[in-house]
Amino acid sequence: MRIAVCIKQVPATTDARIDPETKRIIREGTKAVMNPFDLYAVEEALRLRERAGGEVIVLSMGPDSARNVLTEALSMGADRAFLLCDRKFAGSDTWATSYALSRAIETIGGVDLIICGKQAVDGDTAQVGPGIAAKLDIMQAANVSKVEEIGDDHITVFRTDETGYDVLKLRLPALITVLKDINVPRIPTLRNARRARAAEITLWKPEDIGADPDKLGLAASPTRVVKTEPPALRGADTLLIEGDPADAAKALADEILRRGLLERGSV
């Protein structure tokens, strides 16, 4: 079983700065970490390797500093790591990113399962995972909270939605995106951490994965960010309601209505 995990380096702070010209996050000078959802993707891949055998390959696209998140994944127990690193990849939106990662996965070859985090916290689009599956023309399931079974030619998963969950059986190769509910990521062992620091991370340019340069980068991205701004700060006022439970419940309902949080008749 060959499992590929797509991970991303994201800013560690919520106080990110926006470039006024490109409308994109300024990453220089900002501490970066592995996208939190991707930690769960790496952990699930390692657990599936323990159940079914094989290898776990981690893959990222970004600047040279993205080596750090790949090294972190290796320290958790991943077997190999690849980084798409070239100025031609810079500025890619979710469409171009999905294209580049799909080309890399095809170049790796023999991948049975692709796992991605639900979404990246710096964009919150949740589009790259499904985009990769679409470009590879394979089955997919988003928002997976449990892998029930994995076999040589299929995987059975629980996909969470607004009303509960669906149980899906996917033909391999397939792609899943995972939620934080799926597991608890492990702490790297000292042995794996030492191995990760010495491990070679393979760097790929567009020509190494057979990617069309006209489908990469900002110029090839169909998405255009028109405006970006930080969200408004929430109010910090707090009301403490005391007294008899029935009276307190009525006072709470009245306060909710007064603040316009619900319409009258719904409480």
Protein backbone atom coordinates (compact mmCIF):
# COMPACT_ATOMS: atom_id res chain seq x y z
CA MET A 1 0.00 0.00 0.00
CA ARG A 2 1.53 3.29 -1.11
CA ILE A 3 -0.04 6.31 0.59
CA ALA A 4 0.71 9.90 -0.40
CA VAL A 5 -0.07 12.73 2.01
CA CYS A 6 -0.26 16.31 0.76
CA ILE A 7 0.78 18.83 3.41
CA LYS A 8 1.21 22.59 3.47
CA GLN A 9 3.25 25.15 5.36
CA VAL A 10 1.03 27.94 6.76
CA PRO A 11 1.60 31.05 8.92
CA ALA A 12 1.64 30.25 12.64
CA THR A 13 -0.04 33.51 13.61
CA THR A 14 -3.55 34.84 13.13
CA ASP A 15 -2.05 38.31 12.74
CA ALA A 16 -1.05 37.74 9.11
CA ARG A 17 -0.23 40.68 6.84
CA ILE A 18 -1.74 41.08 3.38
CA ASP A 19 0.17 42.34 0.34
CA PRO A 20 -1.86 45.34 -0.94
CA GLU A 21 -0.89 44.61 -4.56
CA THR A 22 -1.34 40.83 -4.84
CA LYS A 23 -3.96 40.57 -2.04
CA ARG A 24 -2.10 37.49 -0.80
CA ILE A 25 -0.58 36.67 2.59
CA ILE A 26 2.93 38.01 3.15
CA ARG A 27 4.79 34.93 4.36
CA GLU A 28 8.28 36.43 4.66
CA GLY A 29 9.21 37.14 8.27
CA THR A 30 6.25 35.16 9.64
CA LYS A 31 6.74 31.97 11.63
CA ALA A 32 5.39 28.98 9.71
CA VAL A 33 4.08 25.58 10.81
CA MET A 34 2.44 22.55 9.27
CA ASN A 35 -1.22 23.15 8.48
CA PRO A 36 -3.01 21.74 11.58
CA PHE A 37 -5.42 19.57 9.59
CA ASP A 38 -2.45 17.99 7.79
CA LEU A 39 -1.08 16.61 11.06
CA TYR A 40 -4.16 14.38 11.22
CA ALA A 41 -3.68 13.36 7.59
CA VAL A 42 -0.09 12.26 8.27
CA GLU A 43 -1.14 10.39 11.41
CA GLU A 44 -3.94 8.56 9.60
CA ALA A 45 -1.55 7.53 6.82
CA LEU A 46 0.85 6.10 9.41
CA ARG A 47 -1.97 4.17 11.08
CA LEU A 48 -3.09 2.75 7.76
CA ARG A 49 0.48 1.70 7.01
CA GLU A 50 0.50 -0.14 10.33
CA ARG A 51 -2.72 -1.93 9.34
CA ALA A 52 -1.99 -2.65 5.67
CA GLY A 53 1.78 -2.34 5.25
CA GLY A 54 3.51 -0.31 2.56
CA GLU A 55 4.95 3.20 2.71
CA VAL A 56 3.91 6.76 3.47
CA ILE A 57 5.12 9.53 1.17
CA VAL A 58 4.67 13.20 2.10
CA LEU A 59 4.43 15.87 -0.57
CA SER A 60 4.32 19.66 -0.42
CA MET A 61 4.56 22.68 -2.70
CA GLY A 62 6.18 25.86 -1.47
CA PRO A 63 9.42 27.74 -0.80
CA ASP A 64 12.58 26.07 0.44
CA SER A 65 11.46 26.71 4.04
CA ALA A 66 8.67 24.16 3.50
CA ARG A 67 11.34 21.53 4.09
CA ASN A 68 10.61 22.07 7.78
CA VAL A 69 7.07 20.67 7.63
CA LEU A 70 8.25 17.73 5.52
CA THR A 71 10.95 17.01 8.10
CA GLU A 72 8.27 17.13 10.80
CA ALA A 73 6.23 14.54 8.89
CA LEU A 74 9.32 12.36 8.50
CA SER A 75 9.93 12.62 12.23
CA MET A 76 6.41 11.31 12.81
CA GLY A 77 7.33 8.24 10.74
CA ALA A 78 6.78 9.01 7.05
CA ASP A 79 9.14 7.16 4.69
CA ARG A 80 9.91 9.68 1.92
CA ALA A 81 9.37 13.36 1.19
CA PHE A 82 9.08 15.48 -1.96
CA LEU A 83 8.96 19.26 -2.30
CA LEU A 84 7.76 21.13 -5.38
CA CYS A 85 9.97 24.20 -5.17
CA ASP A 86 10.41 26.68 -8.00
CA ARG A 87 9.41 30.28 -8.75
CA LYS A 88 7.12 28.96 -11.49
CA PHE A 89 4.86 27.48 -8.80
CA ALA A 90 4.58 30.79 -6.91
CA GLY A 91 1.17 32.41 -6.72
CA SER A 92 -0.73 29.27 -7.75
CA ASP A 93 -4.37 29.24 -6.70
CA THR A 94 -6.22 26.05 -5.73
CA TRP A 95 -6.70 25.05 -9.40
CA ALA A 96 -3.02 25.39 -10.29
CA THR A 97 -1.93 23.83 -7.00
CA SER A 98 -4.18 20.81 -7.58
CA TYR A 99 -2.71 20.44 -11.05
CA ALA A 100 0.90 20.56 -9.81
CA LEU A 101 0.29 18.10 -6.97
CA SER A 102 -1.58 15.70 -9.25
CA ARG A 103 1.35 15.73 -11.68
CA ALA A 104 3.73 15.01 -8.80
CA ILE A 105 1.59 12.09 -7.61
CA GLU A 106 1.55 10.64 -11.12
CA THR A 107 5.34 11.05 -11.26
CA ILE A 108 5.75 9.18 -7.96
CA GLY A 109 3.64 6.40 -9.43
CA GLY A 110 1.79 3.48 -7.89
CA VAL A 111 -0.05 5.57 -5.29
CA ASP A 112 -3.04 3.67 -3.89
CA LEU A 113 -4.41 6.31 -1.52
CA ILE A 114 -4.02 10.09 -1.21
CA ILE A 115 -4.81 11.78 2.10
CA CYS A 116 -5.20 15.52 2.63
CA GLY A 117 -6.27 17.59 5.59
CA LYS A 118 -9.82 18.94 5.38
CA GLN A 119 -8.54 22.38 4.41
CA ALA A 120 -5.65 24.79 4.89
CA VAL A 121 -6.17 27.34 7.64
CA ASP A 122 -4.66 30.18 5.59
CA GLY A 123 -7.24 29.85 2.82
CA ASP A 124 -10.10 27.71 4.17
CA THR A 125 -11.20 26.74 0.66
CA ALA A 126 -11.10 22.92 1.07
CA GLN A 127 -10.66 22.74 -2.72
CA VAL A 128 -7.19 21.28 -3.28
CA GLY A 129 -7.94 17.72 -2.18
CA PRO A 130 -11.05 17.32 -4.35
CA GLY A 131 -9.21 19.14 -7.15
CA ILE A 132 -6.41 16.56 -7.12
CA ALA A 133 -8.95 13.73 -7.26
CA ALA A 134 -10.73 15.37 -10.18
CA LYS A 135 -7.51 15.79 -12.15
CA LEU A 136 -6.47 12.19 -11.47
CA ASP A 137 -10.03 10.97 -12.23
CA ILE A 138 -10.25 8.88 -9.06
CA MET A 139 -12.90 8.42 -6.37
CA GLN A 140 -12.89 10.78 -3.39
CA ALA A 141 -14.52 11.39 -0.02
CA ALA A 142 -14.24 14.67 1.90
CA ASN A 143 -14.63 15.27 5.65
CA VAL A 144 -13.73 11.71 6.64
CA SER A 145 -13.95 11.07 10.38
CA LYS A 146 -13.08 7.34 10.40
CA VAL A 147 -11.50 4.71 8.18
CA GLU A 148 -13.49 1.57 8.83
CA GLU A 149 -11.67 -0.83 6.52
CA ILE A 150 -8.88 -0.84 3.97
CA GLY A 151 -8.16 -3.66 1.51
CA ASP A 152 -6.06 -4.26 -1.55
CA ASP A 153 -8.60 -2.61 -3.86
CA HIS A 154 -10.96 -0.59 -1.65
CA ILE A 155 -11.33 1.61 1.42
CA THR A 156 -14.45 2.07 3.55
CA VAL A 157 -14.84 5.39 5.38
CA PHE A 158 -17.27 7.42 7.46
CA ARG A 159 -17.93 10.79 5.82
CA THR A 160 -19.39 13.37 8.20
CA ASP A 161 -22.05 15.84 7.02
CA GLU A 162 -24.53 18.27 8.58
CA THR A 163 -27.01 15.54 9.52
CA GLY A 164 -24.70 12.73 10.62
CA TYR A 165 -22.46 10.58 8.47
CA ASP A 166 -22.41 8.39 5.37
CA VAL A 167 -20.54 5.09 5.06
CA LEU A 168 -18.74 5.00 1.70
CA LYS A 169 -16.80 2.22 0.01
CA LEU A 170 -14.31 3.66 -2.48
CA ARG A 171 -12.41 1.80 -5.16
CA LEU A 172 -8.66 2.35 -4.99
CA PRO A 173 -6.84 4.43 -5.99
CA ALA A 174 -8.82 7.09 -4.14
CA LEU A 175 -8.44 10.34 -2.21
CA ILE A 176 -9.83 11.30 1.19
CA THR A 177 -9.70 14.53 3.18
CA VAL A 178 -9.79 14.08 6.95
CA LEU A 179 -11.22 15.89 9.95
CA LYS A 180 -9.54 16.42 13.32
CA ASP A 181 -11.95 13.88 14.83
CA ILE A 182 -10.22 11.02 13.05
CA ASN A 183 -7.24 10.54 15.41
CA VAL A 184 -4.74 12.07 17.81
CA PRO A 185 -1.39 12.78 16.10
CA ARG A 186 1.59 11.05 17.68
CA ILE A 187 4.61 12.72 19.22
CA PRO A 188 7.76 11.94 17.18
CA THR A 189 10.21 9.53 18.77
CA LEU A 190 13.82 10.55 19.26
CA ARG A 191 14.94 7.90 16.77
CA ASN A 192 12.55 9.16 14.07
CA ALA A 193 13.50 12.77 14.75
CA ARG A 194 17.19 11.98 14.25
CA ARG A 195 16.40 10.00 11.10
CA ALA A 196 14.29 12.87 9.75
CA ARG A 197 17.07 15.43 10.22
CA ALA A 198 19.40 13.25 8.15
CA ALA A 199 16.82 12.30 5.51
CA GLU A 200 17.02 13.62 1.96
CA ILE A 201 14.04 15.63 0.71
CA THR A 202 13.67 15.37 -3.05
CA LEU A 203 13.20 18.76 -4.74
CA TRP A 204 11.19 18.86 -7.95
CA LYS A 205 10.81 21.60 -10.53
CA PRO A 206 7.99 21.71 -13.11
CA GLU A 207 10.04 19.81 -15.68
CA ASP A 208 10.68 17.01 -13.16
CA ILE A 209 6.97 16.23 -12.95
CA GLY A 210 6.12 16.91 -16.59
CA ALA A 211 4.01 19.95 -15.69
CA ASP A 212 2.95 22.48 -18.29
CA PRO A 213 4.40 25.86 -17.16
CA ASP A 214 1.37 27.60 -18.67
CA LYS A 215 -0.79 25.89 -16.02
CA LEU A 216 1.28 27.04 -13.04
CA GLY A 217 1.69 30.16 -10.98
CA LEU A 218 -0.27 33.36 -10.62
CA ALA A 219 -0.65 33.99 -14.37
CA ALA A 220 -2.25 30.57 -14.90
CA SER A 221 -4.58 30.82 -11.89
CA PRO A 222 -8.22 31.50 -12.81
CA THR A 223 -8.98 32.78 -9.28
CA ARG A 224 -8.46 36.49 -8.68
CA VAL A 225 -8.54 37.88 -5.14
CA VAL A 226 -10.33 41.24 -5.35
CA LYS A 227 -10.26 42.22 -1.68
CA THR A 228 -8.87 40.78 1.55
CA GLU A 229 -9.20 42.19 5.04
CA PRO A 230 -9.09 40.85 8.62
CA PRO A 231 -12.43 39.98 10.23
CA ALA A 232 -14.03 42.50 12.54
CA LEU A 233 -13.26 42.01 16.22
CA ARG A 234 -16.05 40.43 18.24
CA GLY A 235 -17.57 42.29 21.15
CA ALA A 236 -16.13 41.42 24.54
CA ASP A 237 -19.11 42.40 26.73
CA THR A 238 -20.36 39.60 29.00
CA LEU A 239 -23.63 39.43 30.92
CA LEU A 240 -23.90 37.22 34.02
CA ILE A 241 -27.47 36.07 34.67
CA GLU A 242 -28.21 34.75 38.16
CA GLY A 243 -31.27 33.66 40.10
CA ASP A 244 -33.99 31.04 39.78
CA PRO A 245 -33.42 28.76 36.74
CA ALA A 246 -36.77 29.59 35.17
CA ASP A 247 -36.27 33.33 35.62
CA ALA A 248 -32.67 33.07 34.39
CA ALA A 249 -33.78 31.18 31.26
CA LYS A 250 -36.38 33.86 30.48
CA ALA A 251 -33.82 36.62 31.04
CA LEU A 252 -31.37 34.85 28.73
CA ALA A 253 -34.03 34.51 26.01
CA ASP A 254 -34.93 38.19 26.35
CA GLU A 255 -31.27 39.20 26.07
CA ILE A 256 -30.79 37.03 22.94
CA LEU A 257 -33.81 38.69 21.34
CA ARG A 258 -32.61 42.15 22.37
CA ARG A 259 -29.25 41.55 20.70
CA GLY A 260 -30.96 40.30 17.55
CA LEU A 261 -29.28 36.89 17.65
CA LEU A 262 -32.58 35.08 17.01
CA GLU A 263 -36.03 36.07 15.81
CA ARG A 264 -38.96 36.17 18.21
CA GLY A 265 -40.89 32.89 18.19
CA SER A 266 -37.78 30.77 17.81
CA VAL A 267 -36.89 30.87 21.53
